[in-house]
């Protein structure tokens, strides 16, 4: 068990992509979710480094890695963290482990979801070509049929549902209130987070965070969870020309908070940058606090 003490719809890949293959890191605390292996798996799981961070590809076995807070600081709240990567890779460090450690340091139990991905070429040069092709094609923000978009995420939604089931089944062991389990995702992981809240059936996140994810409008039920959104005006990948997702939540009468930063680009995650987008994490925690999610269970309000 880990205790507290990239890039999604990734930035445009340059001609010389700068990816370096690395050995699969040890993940002794990762728990297999039992959602099976996709029938179209064509290459073994592989990892590479880029932008000073670690990325996973060709994930065929979904896992969940716990990052638990010091028991003295535990708030009883938990967050499932979904890294991004265009469903072709996962930014496991910048949008996964680093986020989880920061949450655990605030007393929030965090669980990094390594969800199953689309198969990609084994060779990194060929993978870079595939990323360029993906970025040149339709983006999530270009999709005009939300129902089709959600159906395309069936395997990943199944992984998220299994993650929620696991966390709630071990809530007592991990000192978690099963009614206070939320989810935060980045880019593709943000799309998965919103999809899990809308069609994840029994998952039912208590709250969700959408960090530079698509802003597509959806039909939002009147019991949708509170939503926190953060993205930059100069994103370059997700087109922030409007906020239909915000309006969908507002039309349903559900709580939503939007942070629209002047600068930050796409995939800023936990990278230190000289832009106000770096403040998103503190804003997210403060938003959780406003909803009573980061107070110690025994604390009383004045």
Protein backbone atom coordinates (compact mmCIF):
# COMPACT_ATOMS: atom_id res chain seq x y z
CA UNK A 1 0.00 0.00 0.00
CA UNK A 2 1.38 3.42 -0.90
CA UNK A 3 1.19 6.05 1.81
CA UNK A 4 1.56 9.80 1.26
CA UNK A 5 4.71 11.16 3.13
CA UNK A 6 0.68 13.63 -19.64
CA UNK A 7 -0.14 13.54 -21.30
CA UNK A 8 -3.68 13.15 -22.23
CA UNK A 9 -4.94 13.93 -25.65
CA UNK A 10 -1.26 14.63 -25.48
CA UNK A 11 0.53 17.75 -26.63
CA UNK A 12 1.25 17.65 -30.34
CA UNK A 13 4.03 15.17 -31.03
CA UNK A 14 7.00 16.85 -32.79
CA UNK A 15 8.76 15.21 -35.71
CA UNK A 16 11.43 13.99 -33.31
CA UNK A 17 9.07 12.79 -30.63
CA UNK A 18 11.51 12.54 -27.73
CA UNK A 19 9.98 9.37 -26.28
CA UNK A 20 12.40 6.98 -24.59
CA UNK A 21 11.46 3.37 -23.84
CA UNK A 22 11.78 2.37 -20.19
CA UNK A 23 11.29 -0.81 -18.22
CA UNK A 24 7.84 -1.31 -16.72
CA UNK A 25 8.18 0.10 -13.20
CA UNK A 26 7.41 -2.01 -10.17
CA UNK A 27 3.82 -1.51 -9.06
CA UNK A 28 3.61 -3.74 -5.98
CA UNK A 29 0.45 -2.11 -4.64
CA UNK A 30 -1.53 -2.33 -7.89
CA UNK A 31 -4.70 -4.39 -7.57
CA UNK A 32 -6.11 -6.11 -10.66
CA UNK A 33 -9.73 -5.18 -11.25
CA UNK A 34 -10.77 -8.40 -12.99
CA UNK A 35 -12.39 -6.77 -16.01
CA UNK A 36 -10.61 -9.10 -18.39
CA UNK A 37 -8.40 -8.60 -21.40
CA UNK A 38 -9.77 -6.99 -24.57
CA UNK A 39 -10.04 -9.35 -27.56
CA UNK A 40 -8.19 -6.92 -29.86
CA UNK A 41 -5.00 -6.75 -27.74
CA UNK A 42 -2.10 -6.91 -30.18
CA UNK A 43 1.00 -5.88 -28.22
CA UNK A 44 2.33 -6.26 -24.68
CA UNK A 45 2.13 -3.44 -22.16
CA UNK A 46 5.04 -1.04 -22.58
CA UNK A 47 6.22 2.17 -20.91
CA UNK A 48 8.16 5.20 -22.06
CA UNK A 49 9.35 8.51 -20.66
CA UNK A 50 8.50 11.89 -22.16
CA UNK A 51 8.29 15.45 -20.82
CA UNK A 52 10.13 14.16 -17.74
CA UNK A 53 7.25 11.83 -16.88
CA UNK A 54 6.30 8.16 -17.31
CA UNK A 55 3.61 6.86 -19.67
CA UNK A 56 2.06 3.41 -20.12
CA UNK A 57 0.82 1.97 -23.44
CA UNK A 58 -1.09 -1.10 -24.54
CA UNK A 59 -2.63 -1.61 -21.12
CA UNK A 60 -4.78 -4.76 -21.28
CA UNK A 61 -5.15 -5.50 -17.55
CA UNK A 62 -6.88 -2.76 -15.57
CA UNK A 63 -5.50 -2.05 -12.10
CA UNK A 64 -6.09 0.29 -9.19
CA UNK A 65 -3.22 1.57 -7.00
CA UNK A 66 -4.08 2.98 -3.55
CA UNK A 67 -2.36 6.01 -2.04
CA UNK A 68 -3.63 6.24 1.52
CA UNK A 69 -3.24 9.23 3.84
CA UNK A 70 -1.73 9.20 7.28
CA UNK A 71 -4.56 7.83 9.47
CA UNK A 72 -4.27 10.91 11.68
CA UNK A 73 -5.08 13.12 8.67
CA UNK A 74 -7.65 10.89 6.95
CA UNK A 75 -10.88 12.68 6.08
CA UNK A 76 -12.89 9.63 4.99
CA UNK A 77 -13.08 11.01 1.43
CA UNK A 78 -11.63 9.11 -1.53
CA UNK A 79 -10.89 10.03 -5.15
CA UNK A 80 -10.33 7.71 -8.10
CA UNK A 81 -7.75 9.34 -10.39
CA UNK A 82 -7.98 8.72 -14.15
CA UNK A 83 -4.88 9.81 -16.12
CA UNK A 84 -5.20 10.90 -19.73
CA UNK A 85 -3.49 9.95 -22.96
CA UNK A 86 -6.09 9.88 -25.71
CA UNK A 87 -7.01 6.27 -24.78
CA UNK A 88 -3.70 5.37 -26.46
CA UNK A 89 -1.41 5.92 -23.47
CA UNK A 90 -1.66 6.90 -19.82
CA UNK A 91 0.23 9.75 -18.16
CA UNK A 92 0.78 7.65 -15.06
CA UNK A 93 3.09 10.04 -13.23
CA UNK A 94 2.01 13.63 -13.97
CA UNK A 95 -1.72 12.87 -14.06
CA UNK A 96 -1.76 9.81 -11.83
CA UNK A 97 0.69 9.12 -9.04
CA UNK A 98 1.65 12.76 -8.45
CA UNK A 99 -2.02 13.74 -8.16
CA UNK A 100 -2.73 10.83 -5.82
CA UNK A 101 0.20 11.68 -3.54
CA UNK A 102 -0.93 15.30 -3.34
CA UNK A 103 -4.47 14.23 -2.43
CA UNK A 104 -3.22 11.80 0.21
CA UNK A 105 -1.14 14.60 1.72
CA UNK A 106 -4.42 16.50 2.14
CA UNK A 107 -6.00 13.56 3.96
CA UNK A 108 -7.89 12.21 0.94
CA UNK A 109 -7.45 8.56 -0.02
CA UNK A 110 -6.55 8.39 -3.71
CA UNK A 111 -6.61 5.49 -6.17
CA UNK A 112 -4.89 5.65 -9.56
CA UNK A 113 -6.91 3.86 -12.22
CA UNK A 114 -4.80 2.25 -14.93
CA UNK A 115 -7.61 1.54 -17.37
CA UNK A 116 -7.47 -0.51 -20.55
CA UNK A 117 -6.36 1.23 -23.73
CA UNK A 118 -6.70 0.97 -27.48
CA UNK A 119 -3.94 -1.18 -29.03
CA UNK A 120 -1.04 0.79 -30.50
CA UNK A 121 2.17 -0.17 -32.35
CA UNK A 122 4.99 -1.59 -30.25
CA UNK A 123 7.60 0.61 -31.92
CA UNK A 124 7.74 4.14 -30.45
CA UNK A 125 8.29 5.77 -33.85
CA UNK A 126 5.19 4.03 -35.17
CA UNK A 127 3.34 5.01 -32.00
CA UNK A 128 4.29 8.68 -32.58
CA UNK A 129 2.82 8.42 -36.07
CA UNK A 130 -0.38 6.97 -34.60
CA UNK A 131 -0.58 9.84 -32.08
CA UNK A 132 -0.19 12.40 -34.88
CA UNK A 133 -2.97 10.70 -36.84
CA UNK A 134 -5.23 10.76 -33.78
CA UNK A 135 -4.59 14.45 -33.19
CA UNK A 136 -5.31 15.21 -36.85
CA UNK A 137 -8.67 13.39 -36.70
CA UNK A 138 -11.95 14.16 -34.92
CA UNK A 139 -11.44 15.30 -31.34
CA UNK A 140 -13.83 14.61 -28.48
CA UNK A 141 -14.90 18.24 -28.68
CA UNK A 142 -15.88 17.64 -32.33
CA UNK A 143 -18.27 14.78 -31.54
CA UNK A 144 -21.88 15.72 -32.08
CA UNK A 145 -23.38 12.43 -30.90
CA UNK A 146 -22.68 12.06 -27.17
CA UNK A 147 -24.44 8.69 -27.02
CA UNK A 148 -22.03 7.24 -29.58
CA UNK A 149 -19.08 8.73 -27.73
CA UNK A 150 -20.19 7.12 -24.47
CA UNK A 151 -20.73 3.72 -26.09
CA UNK A 152 -17.17 3.84 -27.42
CA UNK A 153 -15.92 3.99 -23.83
CA UNK A 154 -17.64 0.79 -22.66
CA UNK A 155 -14.41 -1.05 -21.63
CA UNK A 156 -13.04 1.96 -19.76
CA UNK A 157 -16.37 2.62 -18.03
CA UNK A 158 -16.37 -1.03 -16.94
CA UNK A 159 -12.91 -0.50 -15.43
CA UNK A 160 -14.13 2.61 -13.58
CA UNK A 161 -17.19 0.78 -12.26
CA UNK A 162 -14.95 -2.02 -10.99
CA UNK A 163 -12.71 0.57 -9.31
CA UNK A 164 -15.66 2.12 -7.45
CA UNK A 165 -16.88 -1.32 -6.41
CA UNK A 166 -13.45 -2.26 -5.07
CA UNK A 167 -12.99 0.96 -3.09
CA UNK A 168 -16.43 0.71 -1.53
CA UNK A 169 -16.01 -2.99 -0.72
CA UNK A 170 -12.85 -2.17 1.25
CA UNK A 171 -14.03 1.15 2.64
CA UNK A 172 -13.83 0.01 6.26
CA UNK A 173 -10.29 -1.32 5.81
CA UNK A 174 -9.16 1.91 4.13
CA UNK A 175 -11.11 4.23 6.52
CA UNK A 176 -13.30 5.60 3.74
CA UNK A 177 -16.90 6.75 3.78
CA UNK A 178 -18.43 4.83 0.83
CA UNK A 179 -20.77 7.78 0.22
CA UNK A 180 -17.80 10.12 -0.28
CA UNK A 181 -15.98 8.47 -3.19
CA UNK A 182 -15.40 10.81 -6.13
CA UNK A 183 -13.38 10.82 -9.34
CA UNK A 184 -11.04 13.22 -11.12
CA UNK A 185 -9.74 12.77 -14.65
CA UNK A 186 -7.45 14.48 -17.12
CA UNK A 187 -8.30 14.92 -20.82
CA UNK A 188 -9.26 11.41 -21.95
CA UNK A 189 -9.48 10.51 -18.26
CA UNK A 190 -11.77 13.50 -17.77
CA UNK A 191 -14.04 12.21 -20.51
CA UNK A 192 -14.08 8.84 -18.74
CA UNK A 193 -14.88 10.60 -15.46
CA UNK A 194 -17.90 12.42 -16.90
CA UNK A 195 -19.04 9.24 -18.67
CA UNK A 196 -18.79 7.28 -15.42
CA UNK A 197 -20.96 9.86 -13.68
CA UNK A 198 -23.58 9.81 -16.44
CA UNK A 199 -23.79 6.15 -17.51
CA UNK A 200 -21.65 4.30 -14.99
CA UNK A 201 -24.75 2.76 -13.40
CA UNK A 202 -23.72 1.61 -9.92
CA UNK A 203 -20.48 3.64 -9.85
CA UNK A 204 -22.28 6.90 -8.92
CA UNK A 205 -19.33 9.19 -8.01
CA UNK A 206 -20.14 11.55 -5.13
CA UNK A 207 -18.32 14.38 -6.99
CA UNK A 208 -16.19 14.67 -10.12
CA UNK A 209 -13.34 16.76 -11.50
CA UNK A 210 -12.89 17.36 -15.26
CA UNK A 211 -9.38 18.69 -15.90
CA UNK A 212 -8.92 19.88 -19.50
CA UNK A 213 -11.43 17.37 -20.79
CA UNK A 214 -13.96 17.71 -23.62
CA UNK A 215 -16.77 20.19 -23.00
CA UNK A 216 -19.41 18.30 -25.00
CA UNK A 217 -23.02 18.83 -23.94
CA UNK A 218 -24.76 15.82 -22.44
CA UNK A 219 -28.18 15.05 -21.08
CA UNK A 220 -27.56 15.43 -17.37
CA UNK A 221 -29.82 13.78 -14.77
CA UNK A 222 -31.12 15.73 -11.80
CA UNK A 223 -28.98 13.64 -9.44
CA UNK A 224 -25.67 14.27 -11.25
CA UNK A 225 -22.74 14.86 -8.88
CA UNK A 226 -21.14 18.26 -8.28
CA UNK A 227 -18.68 19.03 -11.10
CA UNK A 228 -15.36 20.91 -11.03
CA UNK A 229 -13.79 21.92 -14.37
CA UNK A 230 -10.35 23.40 -15.09
CA UNK A 231 -8.78 24.16 -18.48
CA UNK A 232 -6.70 26.79 -20.23
CA UNK A 233 -7.76 29.17 -22.99
CA UNK A 234 -4.62 28.24 -24.97
CA UNK A 235 -5.27 24.50 -24.63
CA UNK A 236 -4.56 23.74 -28.30
CA UNK A 237 -6.15 20.29 -28.18
CA UNK A 238 -9.55 20.68 -26.54
CA UNK A 239 -11.25 23.63 -28.22
CA UNK A 240 -12.45 25.94 -25.42
CA UNK A 241 -14.69 28.03 -27.66
CA UNK A 242 -17.69 27.51 -25.41
CA UNK A 243 -18.83 25.70 -22.28
CA UNK A 244 -21.74 23.42 -23.25
CA UNK A 245 -20.86 20.90 -20.52
CA UNK A 246 -21.22 23.65 -17.93
CA UNK A 247 -24.57 24.65 -19.38
CA UNK A 248 -25.71 21.00 -19.33
CA UNK A 249 -25.00 20.81 -15.59
CA UNK A 250 -26.66 24.17 -14.95
CA UNK A 251 -29.75 23.19 -16.94
CA UNK A 252 -30.10 20.15 -14.68
CA UNK A 253 -29.83 22.37 -11.62
CA UNK A 254 -26.64 20.69 -10.48
CA UNK A 255 -23.56 22.34 -8.89
CA UNK A 256 -20.71 23.18 -11.28
CA UNK A 257 -17.58 25.30 -10.93
CA UNK A 258 -15.42 26.38 -13.90
CA UNK A 259 -11.79 27.61 -13.80
CA UNK A 260 -10.79 28.98 -17.21
CA UNK A 261 -7.13 29.95 -17.14
CA UNK A 262 -5.59 32.40 -19.59
CA UNK A 263 -2.54 30.17 -20.11
CA UNK A 264 -1.44 26.63 -19.33
CA UNK A 265 -1.76 24.69 -22.56
CA UNK A 266 -2.89 21.09 -22.53
CA UNK A 267 -1.70 18.43 -20.14
CA UNK A 268 -0.41 20.75 -17.40
CA UNK A 269 -1.41 18.31 -14.67
CA UNK A 270 1.01 18.53 -11.76
CA UNK A 271 3.86 20.01 -13.80
CA UNK A 272 5.18 23.21 -12.16
CA UNK A 273 4.55 26.05 -14.61
CA UNK A 274 4.73 29.84 -14.53
CA UNK A 275 1.00 30.10 -15.20
CA UNK A 276 -2.01 30.38 -12.94
CA UNK A 277 -3.20 27.00 -14.24
CA UNK A 278 -0.78 25.50 -11.71
CA UNK A 279 -3.27 26.63 -9.06
CA UNK A 280 -5.91 24.16 -10.25
CA UNK A 281 -5.05 21.56 -7.59
CA UNK A 282 -5.42 23.93 -4.65
CA UNK A 283 -8.66 25.22 -6.19
CA UNK A 284 -9.94 21.65 -6.53
CA UNK A 285 -9.15 20.89 -2.88
CA UNK A 286 -10.77 24.15 -1.77
CA UNK A 287 -13.84 23.26 -3.82
CA UNK A 288 -13.93 19.87 -2.08
CA UNK A 289 -13.64 21.65 1.24
CA UNK A 290 -16.58 23.91 0.32
CA UNK A 291 -18.62 20.74 -0.18
CA UNK A 292 -17.55 19.39 3.22
CA UNK A 293 -15.31 16.69 1.77
CA UNK A 294 -11.93 17.40 3.37
CA UNK A 295 -12.91 17.87 6.98
CA UNK A 296 -11.96 15.20 9.50
CA UNK A 297 -15.04 13.07 10.27
CA UNK A 298 -14.93 14.12 13.91
CA UNK A 299 -14.60 17.83 13.13
CA UNK A 300 -17.62 20.02 13.83
CA UNK A 301 -18.52 23.26 12.13
CA UNK A 302 -18.88 26.37 14.29
